[in-house]
Amino acid sequence: MTAPLPDIAALYAAFDAPVVPFDCGALCAPNNPRGVPFCCDLHWAVPAAFHHEWDYLRAHTDLWHEWAPVESGITPDEAVELQEDTPGHMCLLACQGAQHCQRGFRALSCRQFPFFPYLTSEMDFIGLAYDERFVADCWVLQHLDQVSDTYLRQFVALYDRLLADWPAELTAYYLASQEMREDSEETGKPITLLHREGGIVYIDPATEEIISLD
C-alpha cells in the first residue's frame, strides 16, 4: 500500500539548507542577460510541484501561480513537449521572481535544483545527478566540491523517504537515470555524480562501476 505524501510543511522544514553556504545566484546572475539567477529564470527552467504541494502553496502564500508558456517565451509545440515531459503527479508553476522569493515557500524542485536523485538499474539511489545542459551557466555545477554537507544529507534523507513511499517518484527518476546511462554510452562520457555519502564519482554507463575522484 502506498504511503500518503508526507506533510509538505514537514518536508520543507527538513530540507531547507542552501546548496552552497553563500548566495550562488549572485555569482551567475550577472552572466544572464535577464539579470537574474539562471535557476530562477523561466526561460531556463520551469519549477514543478506535486499536486498536493501546489495545494499547500496556494493555501499559504501568493508567491506561486500556474505556469503559462508565454512566461518562458517558448512556442506552442515546445510547451506541449514540456507538459508531456512533466510526470503526471506533478504540475508546472511559476513564482513572482527571484527578487520576491519567500525562501520558506520554495517548492521542493527549487530546493533540490540543480540536482535529482540518480538510480542504478537495480533501483538503488546512490547519488545526486544533474542535467549536463545546465553546466555552462550554473556556478554550482562548475564547483561541485562547494556543495554543503548539510544540503547533501538533507537531500538524501528526503529522497530516501519519497522514493520509498511514492512509486511515481521512483519510476520518474529511474527513467531519468536510465536515459542518462543511454546518453552517456552514446557520447562515451562517464556520468558524474555527487555520491550520497559524499565525494564526486564517475559512473561507467555500461558496467555501472563507481569510480571515485577523491
Protein backbone atom coordinates (compact mmCIF):
# COMPACT_ATOMS: atom_id res chain seq x y z
CA MET A 1 0.00 0.00 0.00
CA THR A 2 1.37 3.42 -0.98
CA ALA A 3 2.03 5.79 1.89
CA PRO A 4 0.41 9.23 1.64
CA LEU A 5 2.66 12.10 0.66
CA PRO A 6 4.22 13.41 3.87
CA ASP A 7 3.17 16.75 5.26
CA ILE A 8 4.57 19.45 2.98
CA ALA A 9 5.44 21.80 5.83
CA ALA A 10 7.45 19.00 7.44
CA LEU A 11 9.27 18.29 4.18
CA TYR A 12 10.14 21.95 3.78
CA ALA A 13 11.43 22.16 7.35
CA ALA A 14 13.61 19.08 6.82
CA PHE A 15 15.04 20.27 3.50
CA ASP A 16 15.87 23.94 3.90
CA ALA A 17 19.67 24.06 3.61
CA PRO A 18 21.08 26.12 0.74
CA VAL A 19 23.01 24.11 -1.81
CA VAL A 20 26.17 26.09 -1.01
CA PRO A 21 26.87 28.23 2.08
CA PHE A 22 26.55 31.54 0.20
CA ASP A 23 24.35 33.14 -2.45
CA CYS A 24 25.47 31.38 -5.62
CA GLY A 25 22.76 33.23 -7.55
CA ALA A 26 24.73 36.43 -7.10
CA LEU A 27 27.59 34.79 -9.00
CA CYS A 28 25.60 33.60 -12.01
CA ALA A 29 23.02 36.39 -12.36
CA PRO A 30 25.50 38.85 -13.94
CA ASN A 31 26.04 36.32 -16.74
CA ASN A 32 22.32 36.10 -17.52
CA PRO A 33 21.03 38.71 -19.99
CA ARG A 34 17.83 38.88 -17.90
CA GLY A 35 19.90 39.75 -14.82
CA VAL A 36 18.53 37.00 -12.53
CA PRO A 37 19.98 33.69 -11.36
CA PHE A 38 19.61 31.10 -14.11
CA CYS A 39 17.75 28.73 -11.79
CA CYS A 40 15.12 31.45 -11.19
CA ASP A 41 14.70 32.23 -14.90
CA LEU A 42 11.64 30.65 -16.52
CA HIS A 43 13.40 30.86 -19.87
CA TRP A 44 15.96 28.42 -18.46
CA ALA A 45 13.99 26.10 -16.15
CA VAL A 46 10.36 25.77 -15.04
CA PRO A 47 9.65 24.53 -11.49
CA ALA A 48 7.41 21.52 -10.99
CA ALA A 49 5.48 20.64 -7.83
CA PHE A 50 3.45 17.73 -6.56
CA HIS A 51 -0.25 18.46 -6.94
CA HIS A 52 -0.54 18.09 -3.16
CA GLU A 53 2.35 20.53 -2.77
CA TRP A 54 0.64 23.07 -5.04
CA ASP A 55 -2.49 22.81 -2.88
CA TYR A 56 -0.34 23.61 0.16
CA LEU A 57 1.45 26.53 -1.50
CA ARG A 58 -1.64 28.31 -2.78
CA ALA A 59 -3.25 27.99 0.65
CA HIS A 60 -0.27 29.59 2.40
CA THR A 61 1.32 32.11 0.03
CA ASP A 62 0.69 34.26 -3.03
CA LEU A 63 4.21 33.58 -4.30
CA TRP A 64 3.18 30.98 -6.90
CA HIS A 65 0.78 30.62 -9.81
CA GLU A 66 0.27 28.07 -12.55
CA TRP A 67 2.87 28.42 -15.27
CA ALA A 68 1.91 29.75 -18.70
CA PRO A 69 4.06 29.18 -21.82
CA VAL A 70 4.28 32.91 -22.54
CA GLU A 71 6.33 33.30 -19.35
CA SER A 72 9.11 31.18 -20.86
CA GLY A 73 8.91 32.62 -24.36
CA ILE A 74 8.51 29.21 -25.97
CA THR A 75 6.48 28.00 -28.93
CA PRO A 76 3.21 26.08 -28.54
CA ASP A 77 4.95 22.89 -29.67
CA GLU A 78 7.70 23.38 -27.09
CA ALA A 79 5.07 23.99 -24.42
CA VAL A 80 3.30 20.74 -25.32
CA GLU A 81 6.61 18.86 -25.14
CA LEU A 82 7.39 20.33 -21.73
CA GLN A 83 3.97 19.39 -20.41
CA GLU A 84 4.33 15.86 -21.78
CA ASP A 85 7.74 15.53 -20.10
CA THR A 86 6.26 16.55 -16.74
CA PRO A 87 5.27 13.49 -14.65
CA GLY A 88 1.53 13.10 -14.18
CA HIS A 89 1.75 13.52 -10.40
CA MET A 90 3.28 17.00 -10.83
CA CYS A 91 2.31 20.37 -12.27
CA LEU A 92 4.34 23.29 -13.63
CA LEU A 93 4.44 26.51 -11.59
CA ALA A 94 5.90 29.99 -11.80
CA CYS A 95 6.75 32.39 -8.99
CA GLN A 96 6.86 36.17 -8.72
CA GLY A 97 10.58 36.18 -9.43
CA ALA A 98 13.86 35.94 -7.52
CA GLN A 99 13.51 39.46 -6.15
CA HIS A 100 10.29 38.42 -4.37
CA CYS A 101 11.45 34.99 -3.17
CA GLN A 102 9.93 33.72 0.07
CA ARG A 103 12.52 31.09 0.92
CA GLY A 104 10.24 29.29 3.35
CA PHE A 105 7.82 28.64 0.50
CA ARG A 106 10.27 27.50 -2.15
CA ALA A 107 8.98 24.41 -3.95
CA LEU A 108 10.86 21.16 -3.43
CA SER A 109 12.04 21.36 -7.04
CA CYS A 110 13.65 24.73 -6.25
CA ARG A 111 15.32 23.32 -3.15
CA GLN A 112 16.76 20.33 -4.97
CA PHE A 113 17.86 22.19 -8.10
CA PRO A 114 20.21 21.65 -9.92
CA PHE A 115 20.22 18.01 -8.76
CA PHE A 116 17.96 14.98 -8.96
CA PRO A 117 18.36 11.50 -7.43
CA TYR A 118 20.28 9.02 -9.58
CA LEU A 119 19.10 5.40 -9.50
CA THR A 120 21.03 2.39 -10.74
CA SER A 121 19.46 -0.28 -12.94
CA GLU A 122 18.79 -2.12 -9.66
CA MET A 123 16.85 0.94 -8.43
CA ASP A 124 19.43 1.87 -5.79
CA PHE A 125 19.63 5.61 -5.05
CA ILE A 126 23.39 6.19 -4.99
CA GLY A 127 23.84 9.90 -5.55
CA LEU A 128 22.89 13.26 -6.97
CA ALA A 129 22.86 13.70 -10.76
CA TYR A 130 22.29 16.76 -12.92
CA ASP A 131 21.45 17.78 -16.47
CA GLU A 132 24.64 18.41 -18.46
CA ARG A 133 22.87 21.17 -20.41
CA PHE A 134 22.95 23.37 -17.31
CA VAL A 135 26.69 23.13 -16.61
CA ALA A 136 27.75 26.05 -18.79
CA ASP A 137 25.57 28.51 -16.86
CA CYS A 138 25.24 27.06 -13.33
CA TRP A 139 28.01 28.07 -10.91
CA VAL A 140 27.22 25.16 -8.57
CA LEU A 141 27.67 22.56 -11.31
CA GLN A 142 31.02 24.09 -12.16
CA HIS A 143 32.07 23.81 -8.48
CA LEU A 144 30.61 20.54 -7.19
CA ASP A 145 33.14 20.48 -4.36
CA GLN A 146 31.38 23.51 -2.84
CA VAL A 147 28.06 21.72 -2.21
CA SER A 148 27.46 21.73 1.53
CA ASP A 149 27.43 18.54 3.58
CA THR A 150 24.19 19.67 5.23
CA TYR A 151 22.47 20.07 1.88
CA LEU A 152 23.69 16.65 0.77
CA ARG A 153 22.43 14.98 3.95
CA GLN A 154 19.03 16.66 3.71
CA PHE A 155 18.67 15.82 0.02
CA VAL A 156 19.48 12.14 0.62
CA ALA A 157 17.12 11.91 3.61
CA LEU A 158 14.28 13.50 1.63
CA TYR A 159 14.60 11.20 -1.34
CA ASP A 160 15.18 8.08 0.71
CA ARG A 161 11.72 8.81 2.07
CA LEU A 162 9.97 9.88 -1.14
CA LEU A 163 11.41 7.10 -3.30
CA ALA A 164 10.36 4.51 -0.74
CA ASP A 165 6.85 5.90 -0.27
CA TRP A 166 5.96 7.14 -3.76
CA PRO A 167 6.22 4.70 -6.69
CA ALA A 168 5.58 7.55 -9.13
CA GLU A 169 8.72 9.33 -7.94
CA LEU A 170 10.74 6.12 -8.09
CA THR A 171 9.60 5.46 -11.64
CA ALA A 172 10.22 9.02 -12.83
CA TYR A 173 13.79 9.14 -11.54
CA TYR A 174 14.54 5.57 -12.59
CA LEU A 175 13.62 6.51 -16.16
CA ALA A 176 15.63 9.74 -15.98
CA SER A 177 18.67 7.81 -14.73
CA GLN A 178 18.25 5.17 -17.42
CA GLU A 179 18.15 7.92 -20.05
CA MET A 180 21.38 9.33 -18.59
CA ARG A 181 23.11 5.98 -18.99
CA GLU A 182 21.92 5.66 -22.58
CA ASP A 183 23.09 9.20 -23.43
CA SER A 184 26.40 8.58 -21.68
CA GLU A 185 27.04 5.43 -23.66
CA GLU A 186 26.34 7.29 -26.90
CA THR A 187 28.71 10.15 -26.07
CA GLY A 188 31.38 7.97 -24.46
CA LYS A 189 31.46 10.23 -21.40
CA PRO A 190 31.02 8.83 -17.89
CA ILE A 191 28.23 10.10 -15.64
CA THR A 192 29.37 12.47 -12.91
CA LEU A 193 27.59 12.24 -9.55
CA LEU A 194 27.80 13.58 -6.05
CA HIS A 195 27.82 10.31 -4.12
CA ARG A 196 25.20 10.07 -1.40
CA GLU A 197 27.97 9.54 1.17
CA GLY A 198 29.98 12.47 -0.13
CA GLY A 199 32.59 12.98 -2.82
CA ILE A 200 32.47 13.23 -6.59
CA VAL A 201 32.34 9.98 -8.54
CA TYR A 202 32.13 8.78 -12.13
CA ILE A 203 29.73 6.06 -13.22
CA ASP A 204 30.62 3.81 -16.15
CA PRO A 205 27.28 3.69 -18.02
CA ALA A 206 27.89 0.17 -19.37
CA THR A 207 29.07 -1.59 -16.21
CA GLU A 208 27.74 0.93 -13.63
CA GLU A 209 31.10 0.73 -11.88
CA ILE A 210 31.64 3.60 -9.43
CA ILE A 211 34.97 5.39 -9.83
CA SER A 212 35.91 7.78 -7.03
CA LEU A 213 37.61 11.05 -7.95
CA ASP A 214 38.73 11.80 -4.39
